[in-house]
């Protein structure tokens, strides 16, 4: 009887473990940002930016003040001083 039970258990199919599917990378890393600030852009518009304000060198050698990581996927927005 024990041999019959053991033979029956060993003949059953064993399910394979599959790891859970990962979501696409862009949805996993894209989170709504918290904490930003409104800045007055050189174009005359107000822009909402999340990153720090920096000084960037211009092609002529001068410095311009920019806000970083702004809405609408803008990396930098030149600010009005």
PDB file of N, CA and C in Angstrom:
ATOM      1  N   UNK A   1       0.821  -1.196   0.000  1.00  0.00           N
ATOM      2  CA  UNK A   1       0.000   0.000   0.000  1.00  0.00           C
ATOM      3  C   UNK A   1       0.864   1.259   0.000  1.00  0.00           C
ATOM      4  N   UNK A   2       1.922   1.244   0.826  1.00  0.00           N
ATOM      5  CA  UNK A   2       2.804   2.411   0.873  1.00  0.00           C
ATOM      6  C   UNK A   2       3.524   2.597  -0.462  1.00  0.00           C
ATOM      7  N   UNK A   3       3.913   1.504  -1.082  1.00  0.00           N
ATOM      8  CA  UNK A   3       4.617   1.574  -2.361  1.00  0.00           C
ATOM      9  C   UNK A   3       3.700   2.118  -3.450  1.00  0.00           C
ATOM     10  N   UNK A   4       2.437   1.741  -3.419  1.00  0.00           N
ATOM     11  CA  UNK A   4       1.474   2.237  -4.392  1.00  0.00           C
ATOM     12  C   UNK A   4       1.246   3.750  -4.210  1.00  0.00           C
ATOM     13  N   UNK A   5       1.139   4.198  -2.961  1.00  0.00           N
ATOM     14  CA  UNK A   5       0.954   5.630  -2.681  1.00  0.00           C
ATOM     15  C   UNK A   5       2.173   6.423  -3.117  1.00  0.00           C
ATOM     16  N   UNK A   6       3.360   5.927  -2.825  1.00  0.00           N
ATOM     17  CA  UNK A   6       4.589   6.592  -3.217  1.00  0.00           C
ATOM     18  C   UNK A   6       4.725   6.657  -4.729  1.00  0.00           C
ATOM     19  N   UNK A   7       4.394   5.595  -5.417  1.00  0.00           N
ATOM     20  CA  UNK A   7       4.458   5.580  -6.883  1.00  0.00           C
ATOM     21  C   UNK A   7       3.465   6.571  -7.474  1.00  0.00           C
ATOM     22  N   UNK A   8       2.293   6.670  -6.882  1.00  0.00           N
ATOM     23  CA  UNK A   8       1.279   7.615  -7.360  1.00  0.00           C
ATOM     24  C   UNK A   8       1.735   9.060  -7.152  1.00  0.00           C
ATOM     25  N   UNK A   9       2.320   9.358  -6.007  1.00  0.00           N
ATOM     26  CA  UNK A   9       2.804  10.719  -5.740  1.00  0.00           C
ATOM     27  C   UNK A   9       3.943  11.103  -6.678  1.00  0.00           C
ATOM     28  N   UNK A  10       4.839  10.187  -6.965  1.00  0.00           N
ATOM     29  CA  UNK A  10       5.968  10.483  -7.842  1.00  0.00           C
ATOM     30  C   UNK A  10       5.559  10.606  -9.301  1.00  0.00           C
ATOM     31  N   UNK A  11       4.428  10.054  -9.670  1.00  0.00           N
ATOM     32  CA  UNK A  11       4.000  10.134 -11.064  1.00  0.00           C
ATOM     33  C   UNK A  11       3.233  11.421 -11.371  1.00  0.00           C
ATOM     34  N   UNK A  12       2.859  12.199 -10.349  1.00  0.00           N
ATOM     35  CA  UNK A  12       2.124  13.448 -10.579  1.00  0.00           C
ATOM     36  C   UNK A  12       3.054  14.505 -11.168  1.00  0.00           C
ATOM     37  N   UNK A  13       2.529  15.348 -12.070  1.00  0.00           N
ATOM     38  CA  UNK A  13       3.376  16.411 -12.646  1.00  0.00           C
ATOM     39  C   UNK A  13       3.679  17.489 -11.591  1.00  0.00           C
ATOM     40  N   UNK A  14       4.883  18.022 -11.671  1.00  0.00           N
ATOM     41  CA  UNK A  14       5.316  19.068 -10.737  1.00  0.00           C
ATOM     42  C   UNK A  14       5.260  20.406 -11.476  1.00  0.00           C
ATOM     43  N   UNK A  15       4.501  21.369 -10.959  1.00  0.00           N
ATOM     44  CA  UNK A  15       4.435  22.670 -11.639  1.00  0.00           C
ATOM     45  C   UNK A  15       5.761  23.418 -11.511  1.00  0.00           C
ATOM     46  N   UNK A  16       6.132  24.114 -12.550  1.00  0.00           N
ATOM     47  CA  UNK A  16       7.369  24.897 -12.562  1.00  0.00           C
ATOM     48  C   UNK A  16       7.085  26.284 -12.002  1.00  0.00           C
ATOM     49  N   UNK A  17       8.035  26.811 -11.229  1.00  0.00           N
ATOM     50  CA  UNK A  17       7.913  28.160 -10.680  1.00  0.00           C
ATOM     51  C   UNK A  17       8.395  29.169 -11.708  1.00  0.00           C
ATOM     52  N   UNK A  18       7.566  30.143 -12.021  1.00  0.00           N
ATOM     53  CA  UNK A  18       7.961  31.217 -12.929  1.00  0.00           C
ATOM     54  C   UNK A  18       7.963  32.519 -12.142  1.00  0.00           C
ATOM     55  N   UNK A  19       9.029  33.286 -12.245  1.00  0.00           N
ATOM     56  CA  UNK A  19       9.079  34.555 -11.507  1.00  0.00           C
ATOM     57  C   UNK A  19       8.034  35.523 -12.055  1.00  0.00           C
ATOM     58  N   UNK A  20       7.518  36.425 -11.223  1.00  0.00           N
ATOM     59  CA  UNK A  20       6.509  37.372 -11.685  1.00  0.00           C
ATOM     60  C   UNK A  20       7.100  38.324 -12.713  1.00  0.00           C
ATOM     61  N   UNK A  21       6.300  38.688 -13.667  1.00  0.00           N
ATOM     62  CA  UNK A  21       6.747  39.604 -14.718  1.00  0.00           C
ATOM     63  C   UNK A  21       6.932  40.998 -14.131  1.00  0.00           C
ATOM     64  N   UNK A  22       8.020  41.654 -14.510  1.00  0.00           N
ATOM     65  CA  UNK A  22       8.300  43.009 -14.029  1.00  0.00           C
ATOM     66  C   UNK A  22       7.617  44.021 -14.947  1.00  0.00           C
ATOM     67  N   UNK A  23       7.117  45.135 -14.390  1.00  0.00           N
ATOM     68  CA  UNK A  23       6.523  46.155 -15.238  1.00  0.00           C
ATOM     69  C   UNK A  23       7.611  46.816 -16.085  1.00  0.00           C
ATOM     70  N   UNK A  24       7.236  47.458 -17.171  1.00  0.00           N
ATOM     71  CA  UNK A  24       8.240  48.141 -17.995  1.00  0.00           C
ATOM     72  C   UNK A  24       9.023  49.158 -17.151  1.00  0.00           C
ATOM     73  N   UNK A  25      10.264  49.368 -17.536  1.00  0.00           N
ATOM     74  CA  UNK A  25      11.157  50.221 -16.760  1.00  0.00           C
ATOM     75  C   UNK A  25      10.641  51.648 -16.675  1.00  0.00           C
ATOM     76  N   UNK A  26      10.060  52.158 -17.754  1.00  0.00           N
ATOM     77  CA  UNK A  26       9.648  53.558 -17.725  1.00  0.00           C
ATOM     78  C   UNK A  26       8.514  53.806 -16.739  1.00  0.00           C
ATOM     79  N   UNK A  27       7.612  52.861 -16.516  1.00  0.00           N
ATOM     80  CA  UNK A  27       6.565  53.072 -15.524  1.00  0.00           C
ATOM     81  C   UNK A  27       7.083  52.841 -14.123  1.00  0.00           C
ATOM     82  N   UNK A  28       8.125  52.011 -13.982  1.00  0.00           N
ATOM     83  CA  UNK A  28       8.655  51.746 -12.654  1.00  0.00           C
ATOM     84  C   UNK A  28       9.447  52.931 -12.120  1.00  0.00           C
ATOM     85  N   UNK A  29      10.149  53.669 -12.991  1.00  0.00           N
ATOM     86  CA  UNK A  29      10.976  54.775 -12.530  1.00  0.00           C
ATOM     87  C   UNK A  29      10.259  56.114 -12.595  1.00  0.00           C
ATOM     88  N   UNK A  30       9.176  56.176 -13.265  1.00  0.00           N
ATOM     89  CA  UNK A  30       8.476  57.448 -13.425  1.00  0.00           C
ATOM     90  C   UNK A  30       7.460  57.624 -12.307  1.00  0.00           C
ATOM     91  N   UNK A  31       7.764  58.513 -11.379  1.00  0.00           N
ATOM     92  CA  UNK A  31       6.874  58.798 -10.262  1.00  0.00           C
ATOM     93  C   UNK A  31       6.542  60.278 -10.279  1.00  0.00           C
ATOM     94  N   UNK A  32       5.370  60.612  -9.787  1.00  0.00           N
ATOM     95  CA  UNK A  32       5.079  62.038  -9.700  1.00  0.00           C
ATOM     96  C   UNK A  32       6.032  62.699  -8.709  1.00  0.00           C
ATOM     97  N   UNK A  33       6.582  63.824  -9.105  1.00  0.00           N
ATOM     98  CA  UNK A  33       7.526  64.518  -8.241  1.00  0.00           C
ATOM     99  C   UNK A  33       6.778  65.379  -7.242  1.00  0.00           C
ATOM    100  N   UNK A  34       7.349  65.486  -6.088  1.00  0.00           N
ATOM    101  CA  UNK A  34       6.746  66.308  -5.053  1.00  0.00           C
ATOM    102  C   UNK A  34       7.653  67.493  -4.782  1.00  0.00           C
ATOM    103  N   UNK A  35       7.057  68.582  -4.461  1.00  0.00           N
ATOM    104  CA  UNK A  35       7.819  69.751  -4.037  1.00  0.00           C
ATOM    105  C   UNK A  35       8.519  70.448  -5.173  1.00  0.00           C
ATOM    106  N   UNK A  36       7.955  71.452  -5.677  1.00  0.00           N
ATOM    107  CA  UNK A  36       8.561  72.262  -6.710  1.00  0.00           C
ATOM    108  C   UNK A  36       8.305  73.723  -6.400  1.00  0.00           C
ATOM    109  N   UNK A  37       8.626  74.560  -7.380  1.00  0.00           N
ATOM    110  CA  UNK A  37       8.476  75.988  -7.174  1.00  0.00           C
ATOM    111  C   UNK A  37       8.203  76.663  -8.505  1.00  0.00           C
ATOM    112  N   UNK A  38       7.458  77.757  -8.471  1.00  0.00           N
ATOM    113  CA  UNK A  38       7.186  78.540  -9.661  1.00  0.00           C
ATOM    114  C   UNK A  38       8.321  79.531  -9.872  1.00  0.00           C
ATOM    115  N   UNK A  39       8.782  79.643 -11.122  1.00  0.00           N
ATOM    116  CA  UNK A  39       9.840  80.586 -11.487  1.00  0.00           C
ATOM    117  C   UNK A  39       9.360  81.438 -12.657  1.00  0.00           C
ATOM    118  N   UNK A  40       9.857  82.677 -12.712  1.00  0.00           N
ATOM    119  CA  UNK A  40       9.518  83.585 -13.806  1.00  0.00           C
ATOM    120  C   UNK A  40      10.589  83.428 -14.881  1.00  0.00           C
ATOM    121  N   UNK A  41      10.200  82.886 -16.022  1.00  0.00           N
ATOM    122  CA  UNK A  41      11.143  82.591 -17.102  1.00  0.00           C
ATOM    123  C   UNK A  41      11.470  83.852 -17.897  1.00  0.00           C
ATOM    124  N   UNK A  42      12.580  83.804 -18.609  1.00  0.00           N
ATOM    125  CA  UNK A  42      13.003  84.929 -19.439  1.00  0.00           C
ATOM    126  C   UNK A  42      12.012  85.179 -20.574  1.00  0.00           C
ATOM    127  N   UNK A  43      11.210  84.189 -20.915  1.00  0.00           N
ATOM    128  CA  UNK A  43      10.217  84.345 -21.983  1.00  0.00           C
ATOM    129  C   UNK A  43       8.971  85.087 -21.497  1.00  0.00           C
ATOM    130  N   UNK A  44       8.877  85.332 -20.182  1.00  0.00           N
ATOM    131  CA  UNK A  44       7.727  86.034 -19.635  1.00  0.00           C
ATOM    132  C   UNK A  44       6.670  85.108 -19.054  1.00  0.00           C
ATOM    133  N   UNK A  45       6.895  83.814 -19.113  1.00  0.00           N
ATOM    134  CA  UNK A  45       5.943  82.837 -18.587  1.00  0.00           C
ATOM    135  C   UNK A  45       6.388  82.349 -17.219  1.00  0.00           C
ATOM    136  N   UNK A  46       5.442  81.851 -16.456  1.00  0.00           N
ATOM    137  CA  UNK A  46       5.764  81.217 -15.185  1.00  0.00           C
ATOM    138  C   UNK A  46       5.921  79.718 -15.439  1.00  0.00           C
ATOM    139  N   UNK A  47       7.001  79.144 -14.930  1.00  0.00           N
ATOM    140  CA  UNK A  47       7.274  77.712 -15.094  1.00  0.00           C
ATOM    141  C   UNK A  47       7.433  77.068 -13.725  1.00  0.00           C
ATOM    142  N   UNK A  48       6.923  75.840 -13.602  1.00  0.00           N
ATOM    143  CA  UNK A  48       7.027  75.083 -12.356  1.00  0.00           C
ATOM    144  C   UNK A  48       8.191  74.120 -12.490  1.00  0.00           C
ATOM    145  N   UNK A  49       9.194  74.255 -11.613  1.00  0.00           N
ATOM    146  CA  UNK A  49      10.396  73.429 -11.697  1.00  0.00           C
ATOM    147  C   UNK A  49      10.652  72.727 -10.377  1.00  0.00           C
ATOM    148  N   UNK A  50      11.290  71.550 -10.470  1.00  0.00           N
ATOM    149  CA  UNK A  50      11.540  70.708  -9.307  1.00  0.00           C
ATOM    150  C   UNK A  50      12.996  70.741  -8.845  1.00  0.00           C
ATOM    151  N   UNK A  51      13.909  71.036  -9.741  1.00  0.00           N
ATOM    152  CA  UNK A  51      15.331  70.950  -9.421  1.00  0.00           C
ATOM    153  C   UNK A  51      15.899  72.261  -8.908  1.00  0.00           C
ATOM    154  N   UNK A  52      17.205  72.258  -8.659  1.00  0.00           N
ATOM    155  CA  UNK A  52      17.854  73.459  -8.136  1.00  0.00           C
ATOM    156  C   UNK A  52      18.059  74.511  -9.216  1.00  0.00           C
ATOM    157  N   UNK A  53      18.287  75.731  -8.773  1.00  0.00           N
ATOM    158  CA  UNK A  53      18.639  76.835  -9.677  1.00  0.00           C
ATOM    159  C   UNK A  53      20.148  76.825  -9.821  1.00  0.00           C
ATOM    160  N   UNK A  54      20.618  76.964 -11.071  1.00  0.00           N
ATOM    161  CA  UNK A  54      22.052  76.885 -11.345  1.00  0.00           C
ATOM    162  C   UNK A  54      22.457  78.037 -12.245  1.00  0.00           C
ATOM    163  N   UNK A  55      23.759  78.280 -12.315  1.00  0.00           N
ATOM    164  CA  UNK A  55      24.335  79.229 -13.260  1.00  0.00           C
ATOM    165  C   UNK A  55      25.051  78.422 -14.332  1.00  0.00           C
ATOM    166  N   UNK A  56      24.735  78.717 -15.601  1.00  0.00           N
ATOM    167  CA  UNK A  56      25.303  77.993 -16.737  1.00  0.00           C
ATOM    168  C   UNK A  56      26.047  78.995 -17.604  1.00  0.00           C
ATOM    169  N   UNK A  57      27.208  78.585 -18.121  1.00  0.00           N
ATOM    170  CA  UNK A  57      27.981  79.495 -18.978  1.00  0.00           C
ATOM    171  C   UNK A  57      27.366  79.534 -20.368  1.00  0.00           C
ATOM    172  N   UNK A  58      27.340  80.726 -20.946  1.00  0.00           N
ATOM    173  CA  UNK A  58      26.838  80.914 -22.308  1.00  0.00           C
ATOM    174  C   UNK A  58      27.985  80.743 -23.297  1.00  0.00           C
ATOM    175  N   UNK A  59      27.657  80.712 -24.566  1.00  0.00           N
ATOM    176  CA  UNK A  59      28.669  80.557 -25.616  1.00  0.00           C
ATOM    177  C   UNK A  59      29.597  81.774 -25.669  1.00  0.00           C
ATOM    178  N   UNK A  60      29.074  82.965 -25.317  1.00  0.00           N
ATOM    179  CA  UNK A  60      29.877  84.185 -25.349  1.00  0.00           C
ATOM    180  C   UNK A  60      30.741  84.333 -24.100  1.00  0.00           C
ATOM    181  N   UNK A  61      30.585  83.453 -23.136  1.00  0.00           N
ATOM    182  CA  UNK A  61      31.407  83.495 -21.931  1.00  0.00           C
ATOM    183  C   UNK A  61      30.680  84.026 -20.711  1.00  0.00           C
ATOM    184  N   UNK A  62      29.462  84.501 -20.858  1.00  0.00           N
ATOM    185  CA  UNK A  62      28.709  85.021 -19.720  1.00  0.00           C
ATOM    186  C   UNK A  62      28.011  83.898 -18.961  1.00  0.00           C
ATOM    187  N   UNK A  63      27.345  84.283 -17.883  1.00  0.00           N
ATOM    188  CA  UNK A  63      26.587  83.325 -17.076  1.00  0.00           C
ATOM    189  C   UNK A  63      25.106  83.626 -17.188  1.00  0.00           C
ATOM    190  N   UNK A  64      24.291  82.586 -17.219  1.00  0.00           N
ATOM    191  CA  UNK A  64      22.844  82.770 -17.175  1.00  0.00           C
ATOM    192  C   UNK A  64      22.277  81.876 -16.084  1.00  0.00           C
ATOM    193  N   UNK A  65      21.243  82.370 -15.428  1.00  0.00           N
ATOM    194  CA  UNK A  65      20.618  81.652 -14.321  1.00  0.00           C
ATOM    195  C   UNK A  65      19.497  80.788 -14.881  1.00  0.00           C
ATOM    196  N   UNK A  66      19.495  79.506 -14.547  1.00  0.00           N
ATOM    197  CA  UNK A  66      18.492  78.580 -15.059  1.00  0.00           C
ATOM    198  C   UNK A  66      17.901  77.765 -13.923  1.00  0.00           C
ATOM    199  N   UNK A  67      16.636  77.411 -14.073  1.00  0.00           N
ATOM    200  CA  UNK A  67      15.979  76.451 -13.186  1.00  0.00           C
ATOM    201  C   UNK A  67      15.994  75.108 -13.898  1.00  0.00           C
ATOM    202  N   UNK A  68      16.144  74.027 -13.135  1.00  0.00           N
ATOM    203  CA  UNK A  68      16.291  72.701 -13.745  1.00  0.00           C
ATOM    204  C   UNK A  68      15.097  71.812 -13.438  1.00  0.00           C
ATOM    205  N   UNK A  69      14.897  70.824 -14.298  1.00  0.00           N
ATOM    206  CA  UNK A  69      13.855  69.806 -14.184  1.00  0.00           C
ATOM    207  C   UNK A  69      12.467  70.436 -14.049  1.00  0.00           C
ATOM    208  N   UNK A  70      12.021  71.024 -15.134  1.00  0.00           N
ATOM    209  CA  UNK A  70      10.745  71.732 -15.144  1.00  0.00           C
ATOM    210  C   UNK A  70       9.650  70.890 -15.794  1.00  0.00           C
ATOM    211  N   UNK A  71       8.412  71.372 -15.682  1.00  0.00           N
ATOM    212  CA  UNK A  71       7.281  70.672 -16.286  1.00  0.00           C
ATOM    213  C   UNK A  71       7.450  70.584 -17.791  1.00  0.00           C
ATOM    214  N   UNK A  72       6.667  69.707 -18.394  1.00  0.00           N
ATOM    215  CA  UNK A  72       6.688  69.458 -19.845  1.00  0.00           C
ATOM    216  C   UNK A  72       8.044  68.949 -20.302  1.00  0.00           C
ATOM    217  N   UNK A  73       8.724  68.206 -19.440  1.00  0.00           N
ATOM    218  CA  UNK A  73      10.003  67.555 -19.759  1.00  0.00           C
ATOM    219  C   UNK A  73      11.069  68.527 -20.238  1.00  0.00           C
ATOM    220  N   UNK A  74      11.078  69.728 -19.692  1.00  0.00           N
ATOM    221  CA  UNK A  74      12.131  70.685 -20.008  1.00  0.00           C
ATOM    222  C   UNK A  74      13.248  70.513 -18.995  1.00  0.00           C
ATOM    223  N   UNK A  75      14.467  70.339 -19.491  1.00  0.00           N
ATOM    224  CA  UNK A  75      15.606  70.138 -18.588  1.00  0.00           C
ATOM    225  C   UNK A  75      15.987  71.446 -17.902  1.00  0.00           C
ATOM    226  N   UNK A  76      15.987  72.553 -18.657  1.00  0.00           N
ATOM    227  CA  UNK A  76      16.385  73.848 -18.089  1.00  0.00           C
ATOM    228  C   UNK A  76      15.504  74.950 -18.659  1.00  0.00           C
ATOM    229  N   UNK A  77      15.230  75.939 -17.831  1.00  0.00           N
ATOM    230  CA  UNK A  77      14.484  77.125 -18.250  1.00  0.00           C
ATOM    231  C   UNK A  77      15.295  78.346 -17.809  1.00  0.00           C
ATOM    232  N   UNK A  78      15.624  79.224 -18.750  1.00  0.00           N
ATOM    233  CA  UNK A  78      16.353  80.435 -18.427  1.00  0.00           C
ATOM    234  C   UNK A  78      15.450  81.366 -17.637  1.00  0.00           C
ATOM    235  N   UNK A  79      15.978  81.895 -16.530  1.00  0.00           N
ATOM    236  CA  UNK A  79      15.178  82.732 -15.651  1.00  0.00           C
ATOM    237  C   UNK A  79      15.400  84.205 -15.918  1.00  0.00           C
ATOM    238  N   UNK A  80      14.376  84.993 -15.634  1.00  0.00           N
ATOM    239  CA  UNK A  80      14.482  86.439 -15.758  1.00  0.00           C
ATOM    240  C   UNK A  80      15.010  86.966 -14.423  1.00  0.00           C
ATOM    241  N   UNK A  81      16.074  87.753 -14.471  1.00  0.00           N
ATOM    242  CA  UNK A  81      16.653  88.280 -13.229  1.00  0.00           C
ATOM    243  C   UNK A  81      16.006  89.571 -12.803  1.00  0.00           C
TER     244      UNK A  81
END
